[in-house]
Amino acid sequence: MVTARGSRRRERRSRDRHGRGLRGPLFPSTLPAASTRAEKFDALVLDALEPIEARWRTELTKLDVAVDDVPEVPETGTPTPDGVLADSGVPLARLVAAGVDRRGQPTRARIVLYRRPLEARAKDGGDLADLVHDVLVEQVAAYLGLDPGVIDGEG
């Protein structure tokens, strides 16, 4: 390719400099190391939800659990909405009651866990697992109108 000044621009080469082929994934997709942080967090939520759901299956049939990266933080001075579990003003999870959407369709109740704030508060993987479990217990207790100790099997 010739530029306006008449000099020749160098063509970019692909990353196959030494004839060994293009680079592939570092880990096979079947190994846990290949999953993203979001996928690992989703698996952690499912693991934390499993014992709660096993014990309260019939009461939780109309409840969905979702994960979002970050919450929508309201303007400063705005009170925290109902159903939000917050730490220092930053929402960790939210319980959204069943209702009707904009199209008039009924919606199910939903617990939304916020991945980034939860990860920021955990020291390591074990601490994150405990925190996710505690937040889920709190939100399920709020949904069912029970004490968190009853949900966790302590009371």
C-alpha atoms as a PDB file:
ATOM      1  CA  MET A   1       0.000   0.000   0.000  1.00  0.00           C
ATOM      2  CA  VAL A   2       1.359   3.419  -0.907  1.00  0.00           C
ATOM      3  CA  THR A   3       0.679   6.432   1.284  1.00  0.00           C
ATOM      4  CA  ALA A   4       0.381  10.070   0.226  1.00  0.00           C
ATOM      5  CA  ARG A   5       4.093  10.650   0.773  1.00  0.00           C
ATOM      6  CA  GLY A   6       5.038   7.787  -1.480  1.00  0.00           C
ATOM      7  CA  SER A   7       6.574   5.624   1.246  1.00  0.00           C
ATOM      8  CA  ARG A   8       5.523   2.045   1.591  1.00  0.00           C
ATOM      9  CA  ARG A   9       3.657   1.071   4.796  1.00  0.00           C
ATOM     10  CA  ARG A  10       4.596  -2.207   6.322  1.00  0.00           C
ATOM     11  CA  GLU A  11       1.903  -4.819   6.241  1.00  0.00           C
ATOM     12  CA  ARG A  12       1.004  -6.263   9.624  1.00  0.00           C
ATOM     13  CA  ARG A  13       1.818  -9.893  10.119  1.00  0.00           C
ATOM     14  CA  SER A  14      -0.328 -12.309  12.024  1.00  0.00           C
ATOM     15  CA  ARG A  15       0.963 -13.763  15.263  1.00  0.00           C
ATOM     16  CA  ASP A  16       2.258 -16.864  13.451  1.00  0.00           C
ATOM     17  CA  ARG A  17       5.840 -15.580  13.391  1.00  0.00           C
ATOM     18  CA  HIS A  18       7.698 -18.865  13.639  1.00  0.00           C
ATOM     19  CA  GLY A  19       5.399 -21.127  11.642  1.00  0.00           C
ATOM     20  CA  ARG A  20       3.982 -22.908  14.683  1.00  0.00           C
ATOM     21  CA  GLY A  21       0.364 -22.056  13.960  1.00  0.00           C
ATOM     22  CA  LEU A  22      -1.987 -19.549  15.515  1.00  0.00           C
ATOM     23  CA  ARG A  23      -2.263 -19.360  19.255  1.00  0.00           C
ATOM     24  CA  GLY A  24      -5.007 -21.341  20.910  1.00  0.00           C
ATOM     25  CA  PRO A  25      -6.598 -21.328  24.337  1.00  0.00           C
ATOM     26  CA  LEU A  26      -4.262 -21.747  27.284  1.00  0.00           C
ATOM     27  CA  PHE A  27      -6.491 -24.311  28.990  1.00  0.00           C
ATOM     28  CA  PRO A  28      -8.987 -26.732  27.440  1.00  0.00           C
ATOM     29  CA  SER A  29     -12.558 -25.566  27.954  1.00  0.00           C
ATOM     30  CA  THR A  30     -13.298 -28.666  30.066  1.00  0.00           C
ATOM     31  CA  LEU A  31     -10.976 -27.560  32.885  1.00  0.00           C
ATOM     32  CA  PRO A  32     -12.142 -25.193  35.656  1.00  0.00           C
ATOM     33  CA  ALA A  33      -9.232 -22.826  34.970  1.00  0.00           C
ATOM     34  CA  ALA A  34     -10.742 -21.991  31.569  1.00  0.00           C
ATOM     35  CA  SER A  35     -13.927 -20.508  33.042  1.00  0.00           C
ATOM     36  CA  THR A  36     -14.313 -16.784  33.536  1.00  0.00           C
ATOM     37  CA  ARG A  37     -14.797 -15.058  36.890  1.00  0.00           C
ATOM     38  CA  ALA A  38     -18.476 -14.609  36.094  1.00  0.00           C
ATOM     39  CA  GLU A  39     -18.878 -18.320  35.312  1.00  0.00           C
ATOM     40  CA  LYS A  40     -17.100 -19.257  38.541  1.00  0.00           C
ATOM     41  CA  PHE A  41     -19.368 -16.898  40.489  1.00  0.00           C
ATOM     42  CA  ASP A  42     -22.471 -18.397  38.859  1.00  0.00           C
ATOM     43  CA  ALA A  43     -21.304 -21.875  39.905  1.00  0.00           C
ATOM     44  CA  LEU A  44     -20.697 -20.576  43.434  1.00  0.00           C
ATOM     45  CA  VAL A  45     -24.250 -19.192  43.598  1.00  0.00           C
ATOM     46  CA  LEU A  46     -25.687 -22.509  42.415  1.00  0.00           C
ATOM     47  CA  ASP A  47     -23.654 -24.377  45.051  1.00  0.00           C
ATOM     48  CA  ALA A  48     -24.855 -22.010  47.784  1.00  0.00           C
ATOM     49  CA  LEU A  49     -28.462 -22.250  46.614  1.00  0.00           C
ATOM     50  CA  GLU A  50     -28.570 -26.040  46.426  1.00  0.00           C
ATOM     51  CA  PRO A  51     -28.984 -26.821  50.161  1.00  0.00           C
ATOM     52  CA  ILE A  52     -31.485 -23.980  50.605  1.00  0.00           C
ATOM     53  CA  GLU A  53     -33.530 -25.149  47.648  1.00  0.00           C
ATOM     54  CA  ALA A  54     -33.381 -28.776  48.807  1.00  0.00           C
ATOM     55  CA  ARG A  55     -34.916 -27.813  52.144  1.00  0.00           C
ATOM     56  CA  TRP A  56     -37.425 -25.201  50.906  1.00  0.00           C
ATOM     57  CA  ARG A  57     -38.230 -26.547  47.416  1.00  0.00           C
ATOM     58  CA  THR A  58     -42.024 -26.214  47.591  1.00  0.00           C
ATOM     59  CA  GLU A  59     -41.890 -22.653  48.974  1.00  0.00           C
ATOM     60  CA  LEU A  60     -39.361 -21.504  46.350  1.00  0.00           C
ATOM     61  CA  THR A  61     -41.112 -22.763  43.204  1.00  0.00           C
ATOM     62  CA  LYS A  62     -42.097 -19.220  42.176  1.00  0.00           C
ATOM     63  CA  LEU A  63     -38.716 -17.628  42.925  1.00  0.00           C
ATOM     64  CA  ASP A  64     -35.896 -17.031  40.442  1.00  0.00           C
ATOM     65  CA  VAL A  65     -32.287 -16.319  41.353  1.00  0.00           C
ATOM     66  CA  ALA A  66     -30.196 -14.150  39.030  1.00  0.00           C
ATOM     67  CA  VAL A  67     -26.710 -12.644  38.998  1.00  0.00           C
ATOM     68  CA  ASP A  68     -25.842  -9.178  37.752  1.00  0.00           C
ATOM     69  CA  ASP A  69     -22.355  -7.678  37.595  1.00  0.00           C
ATOM     70  CA  VAL A  70     -23.071  -4.363  39.315  1.00  0.00           C
ATOM     71  CA  PRO A  71     -26.163  -2.730  40.780  1.00  0.00           C
ATOM     72  CA  GLU A  72     -27.724   0.455  39.548  1.00  0.00           C
ATOM     73  CA  VAL A  73     -26.717   2.802  42.349  1.00  0.00           C
ATOM     74  CA  PRO A  74     -29.309   5.515  43.037  1.00  0.00           C
ATOM     75  CA  GLU A  75     -28.316   9.151  43.324  1.00  0.00           C
ATOM     76  CA  THR A  76     -26.823  10.209  46.634  1.00  0.00           C
ATOM     77  CA  GLY A  77     -29.405  11.107  49.218  1.00  0.00           C
ATOM     78  CA  THR A  78     -31.949   8.691  47.729  1.00  0.00           C
ATOM     79  CA  PRO A  79     -33.081   6.098  50.284  1.00  0.00           C
ATOM     80  CA  THR A  80     -32.266   2.455  49.584  1.00  0.00           C
ATOM     81  CA  PRO A  81     -35.229   0.750  47.850  1.00  0.00           C
ATOM     82  CA  ASP A  82     -37.136  -2.017  49.610  1.00  0.00           C
ATOM     83  CA  GLY A  83     -35.708  -5.506  49.243  1.00  0.00           C
ATOM     84  CA  VAL A  84     -32.095  -4.343  48.857  1.00  0.00           C
ATOM     85  CA  LEU A  85     -29.413  -5.844  51.074  1.00  0.00           C
ATOM     86  CA  ALA A  86     -26.641  -3.230  51.224  1.00  0.00           C
ATOM     87  CA  ASP A  87     -23.239  -2.837  52.867  1.00  0.00           C
ATOM     88  CA  SER A  88     -22.101   0.764  53.413  1.00  0.00           C
ATOM     89  CA  GLY A  89     -24.674   1.944  50.905  1.00  0.00           C
ATOM     90  CA  VAL A  90     -23.549  -0.454  48.153  1.00  0.00           C
ATOM     91  CA  PRO A  91     -26.200  -3.043  47.242  1.00  0.00           C
ATOM     92  CA  LEU A  92     -25.081  -6.673  47.499  1.00  0.00           C
ATOM     93  CA  ALA A  93     -28.403  -8.242  46.508  1.00  0.00           C
ATOM     94  CA  ARG A  94     -31.972  -7.303  45.800  1.00  0.00           C
ATOM     95  CA  LEU A  95     -35.298  -9.063  46.220  1.00  0.00           C
ATOM     96  CA  VAL A  96     -37.675  -8.073  43.428  1.00  0.00           C
ATOM     97  CA  ALA A  97     -41.274  -8.912  44.235  1.00  0.00           C
ATOM     98  CA  ALA A  98     -43.545 -10.623  41.732  1.00  0.00           C
ATOM     99  CA  GLY A  99     -45.562  -8.218  39.644  1.00  0.00           C
ATOM    100  CA  VAL A 100     -46.451  -7.225  36.117  1.00  0.00           C
ATOM    101  CA  ASP A 101     -43.981  -6.079  33.451  1.00  0.00           C
ATOM    102  CA  ARG A 102     -44.440  -3.231  30.929  1.00  0.00           C
ATOM    103  CA  ARG A 103     -46.263  -5.497  28.492  1.00  0.00           C
ATOM    104  CA  GLY A 104     -48.764  -6.597  31.135  1.00  0.00           C
ATOM    105  CA  GLN A 105     -47.223 -10.054  31.583  1.00  0.00           C
ATOM    106  CA  PRO A 106     -46.924 -11.456  35.113  1.00  0.00           C
ATOM    107  CA  THR A 107     -43.373 -11.747  36.475  1.00  0.00           C
ATOM    108  CA  ARG A 108     -41.979 -14.069  39.112  1.00  0.00           C
ATOM    109  CA  ALA A 109     -40.255 -12.957  42.297  1.00  0.00           C
ATOM    110  CA  ARG A 110     -36.494 -12.710  41.821  1.00  0.00           C
ATOM    111  CA  ILE A 111     -33.364 -12.458  43.950  1.00  0.00           C
ATOM    112  CA  VAL A 112     -30.563 -10.620  42.144  1.00  0.00           C
ATOM    113  CA  LEU A 113     -27.035 -11.037  43.503  1.00  0.00           C
ATOM    114  CA  TYR A 114     -24.470  -8.416  42.480  1.00  0.00           C
ATOM    115  CA  ARG A 115     -21.191 -10.139  41.638  1.00  0.00           C
ATOM    116  CA  ARG A 116     -18.652  -7.300  41.760  1.00  0.00           C
ATOM    117  CA  PRO A 117     -19.649  -5.853  45.179  1.00  0.00           C
ATOM    118  CA  LEU A 118     -19.697  -9.345  46.686  1.00  0.00           C
ATOM    119  CA  GLU A 119     -16.283 -10.199  45.225  1.00  0.00           C
ATOM    120  CA  ALA A 120     -14.866  -6.895  46.490  1.00  0.00           C
ATOM    121  CA  ARG A 121     -15.894  -7.704  50.065  1.00  0.00           C
ATOM    122  CA  ALA A 122     -14.453 -11.226  50.111  1.00  0.00           C
ATOM    123  CA  LYS A 123     -10.865 -11.937  51.116  1.00  0.00           C
ATOM    124  CA  ASP A 124     -10.622 -15.235  49.216  1.00  0.00           C
ATOM    125  CA  GLY A 125     -12.722 -17.929  47.542  1.00  0.00           C
ATOM    126  CA  GLY A 126     -13.861 -19.487  50.814  1.00  0.00           C
ATOM    127  CA  ASP A 127     -14.887 -16.119  52.209  1.00  0.00           C
ATOM    128  CA  LEU A 128     -16.799 -15.372  48.994  1.00  0.00           C
ATOM    129  CA  ALA A 129     -18.646 -18.697  49.233  1.00  0.00           C
ATOM    130  CA  ASP A 130     -19.660 -17.908  52.836  1.00  0.00           C
ATOM    131  CA  LEU A 131     -20.734 -14.380  51.906  1.00  0.00           C
ATOM    132  CA  VAL A 132     -22.839 -15.584  48.962  1.00  0.00           C
ATOM    133  CA  HIS A 133     -24.472 -18.194  51.209  1.00  0.00           C
ATOM    134  CA  ASP A 134     -25.249 -15.609  53.904  1.00  0.00           C
ATOM    135  CA  VAL A 135     -26.706 -13.154  51.378  1.00  0.00           C
ATOM    136  CA  LEU A 136     -28.866 -15.871  49.811  1.00  0.00           C
ATOM    137  CA  VAL A 137     -30.126 -16.938  53.239  1.00  0.00           C
ATOM    138  CA  GLU A 138     -31.011 -13.321  54.100  1.00  0.00           C
ATOM    139  CA  GLN A 139     -32.856 -12.785  50.823  1.00  0.00           C
ATOM    140  CA  VAL A 140     -34.749 -16.106  50.930  1.00  0.00           C
ATOM    141  CA  ALA A 141     -35.736 -15.324  54.525  1.00  0.00           C
ATOM    142  CA  ALA A 142     -37.048 -11.925  53.419  1.00  0.00           C
ATOM    143  CA  TYR A 143     -38.961 -13.570  50.562  1.00  0.00           C
ATOM    144  CA  LEU A 144     -40.574 -16.148  52.854  1.00  0.00           C
ATOM    145  CA  GLY A 145     -41.023 -13.746  55.770  1.00  0.00           C
ATOM    146  CA  LEU A 146     -39.002 -15.950  58.119  1.00  0.00           C
ATOM    147  CA  ASP A 147     -35.955 -15.558  60.347  1.00  0.00           C
ATOM    148  CA  PRO A 148     -32.628 -16.261  58.533  1.00  0.00           C
ATOM    149  CA  GLY A 149     -31.751 -18.847  61.197  1.00  0.00           C
ATOM    150  CA  VAL A 150     -34.805 -20.878  60.231  1.00  0.00           C
ATOM    151  CA  ILE A 151     -33.794 -20.847  56.543  1.00  0.00           C
ATOM    152  CA  ASP A 152     -30.245 -21.906  57.368  1.00  0.00           C
ATOM    153  CA  GLY A 153     -31.455 -24.709  59.638  1.00  0.00           C
ATOM    154  CA  GLU A 154     -30.199 -23.168  62.880  1.00  0.00           C
ATOM    155  CA  GLY A 155     -33.551 -22.470  64.453  1.00  0.00           C
END
